[in-house]
Amino acid sequence: MKLVKTSEMGGLDLDRAVMMCEGFNGFFYASEDWEDGGPIIEREKISLSFNGKEWEASIAGSFVEKGFSPLYAAMRCYVASKFGDTVEIPEYPL
């Protein structure tokens, strides 16, 4: 296991953390695929905005996270809402 800052998560680390939040393993690309990430954004009522530089996501004004894409920001926000500022995730490969 390794400890990763939620605000710095990306790629497979971010997708694995989202899978942990969702309670399953397998192939899931919520940080890159709207088909996977979109339903989470809707269900969790994640708000998205663009500040001219990067995307910001929040849940009810809390757990504000940023990212270069709306999905990155939203999934970081979702993970932060479940696990906080740092997450312990499995090392590669599973």
Protein backbone atom coordinates (compact mmCIF):
# COMPACT_ATOMS: atom_id res chain seq x y z
CA MET A 1 0.00 0.00 0.00
CA LYS A 2 1.09 3.58 -0.53
CA LEU A 3 -0.14 6.89 0.86
CA VAL A 4 -1.16 9.49 -1.75
CA LYS A 5 -2.41 13.07 -1.34
CA THR A 6 -5.93 13.37 -2.74
CA SER A 7 -5.13 16.74 -4.33
CA GLU A 8 -2.25 15.18 -6.29
CA MET A 9 -3.95 11.96 -7.39
CA GLY A 10 -4.23 11.15 -11.04
CA GLY A 11 -4.42 8.30 -13.51
CA LEU A 12 -4.63 4.80 -12.08
CA ASP A 13 -4.17 6.01 -8.49
CA LEU A 14 -7.23 8.23 -8.79
CA ASP A 15 -9.28 5.54 -10.51
CA ARG A 16 -8.31 2.99 -7.85
CA ALA A 17 -9.30 5.38 -5.08
CA VAL A 18 -12.68 5.92 -6.77
CA MET A 19 -13.11 2.15 -7.03
CA MET A 20 -12.40 1.88 -3.30
CA CYS A 21 -15.10 4.51 -2.67
CA GLU A 22 -17.51 2.56 -4.83
CA GLY A 23 -16.62 -0.73 -3.13
CA PHE A 24 -15.43 -2.78 -6.08
CA ASN A 25 -12.40 -3.82 -8.12
CA GLY A 26 -12.04 -4.16 -11.86
CA PHE A 27 -11.77 -1.82 -14.78
CA PHE A 28 -13.15 1.60 -14.02
CA TYR A 29 -11.92 4.87 -15.52
CA ALA A 30 -13.94 7.51 -13.69
CA SER A 31 -11.21 10.13 -14.08
CA GLU A 32 -11.19 9.79 -17.87
CA ASP A 33 -14.56 8.39 -18.97
CA TRP A 34 -17.82 10.30 -18.53
CA GLU A 35 -19.71 7.01 -18.68
CA ASP A 36 -17.99 5.96 -15.44
CA GLY A 37 -17.52 9.35 -13.75
CA GLY A 38 -20.69 11.14 -14.85
CA PRO A 39 -23.10 9.05 -12.75
CA ILE A 40 -20.95 9.67 -9.66
CA ILE A 41 -21.01 13.43 -10.29
CA GLU A 42 -24.79 13.35 -10.62
CA ARG A 43 -25.43 11.02 -7.66
CA GLU A 44 -23.08 12.89 -5.31
CA LYS A 45 -24.28 16.30 -6.57
CA ILE A 46 -20.74 17.45 -7.30
CA SER A 47 -20.63 21.07 -8.48
CA LEU A 48 -18.11 22.00 -11.16
CA SER A 49 -16.74 25.37 -12.24
CA PHE A 50 -13.82 26.67 -14.26
CA ASN A 51 -11.78 29.51 -12.76
CA GLY A 52 -9.99 30.42 -15.99
CA LYS A 53 -7.02 28.20 -15.13
CA GLU A 54 -8.33 24.89 -13.82
CA TRP A 55 -11.51 23.06 -12.88
CA GLU A 56 -12.85 23.15 -9.33
CA ALA A 57 -15.27 20.65 -7.84
CA SER A 58 -17.14 20.71 -4.55
CA ILE A 59 -19.83 18.81 -2.72
CA ALA A 60 -22.16 21.18 -0.86
CA GLY A 61 -19.35 23.76 -0.62
CA SER A 62 -17.06 21.29 1.15
CA PHE A 63 -14.26 19.04 -0.08
CA VAL A 64 -13.13 21.49 -2.77
CA GLU A 65 -10.63 19.90 -5.14
CA LYS A 66 -9.03 21.09 -8.39
CA GLY A 67 -7.90 19.45 -11.60
CA PHE A 68 -6.96 20.01 -15.22
CA SER A 69 -10.26 18.43 -16.32
CA PRO A 70 -13.75 18.37 -14.82
CA LEU A 71 -13.52 14.62 -14.23
CA TYR A 72 -10.17 14.89 -12.41
CA ALA A 73 -11.49 17.64 -10.16
CA ALA A 74 -14.77 15.82 -9.50
CA MET A 75 -13.18 12.45 -8.74
CA ARG A 76 -10.62 14.04 -6.43
CA CYS A 77 -13.51 15.77 -4.66
CA TYR A 78 -15.42 12.50 -4.37
CA VAL A 79 -12.38 10.68 -2.94
CA ALA A 80 -11.74 13.55 -0.49
CA SER A 81 -15.36 13.35 0.70
CA LYS A 82 -14.90 9.65 1.53
CA PHE A 83 -11.27 9.41 2.69
CA GLY A 84 -9.96 12.91 3.39
CA ASP A 85 -6.71 14.59 2.33
CA THR A 86 -4.71 11.37 1.95
CA VAL A 87 -5.60 7.88 0.81
CA GLU A 88 -3.84 4.58 1.22
CA ILE A 89 -4.12 2.72 -2.09
CA PRO A 90 -2.70 -0.56 -3.39
CA GLU A 91 0.65 -0.59 -5.18
CA TYR A 92 0.77 -1.63 -8.84
CA PRO A 93 -0.05 -4.21 -10.09
CA LEU A 94 -3.16 -5.39 -8.28
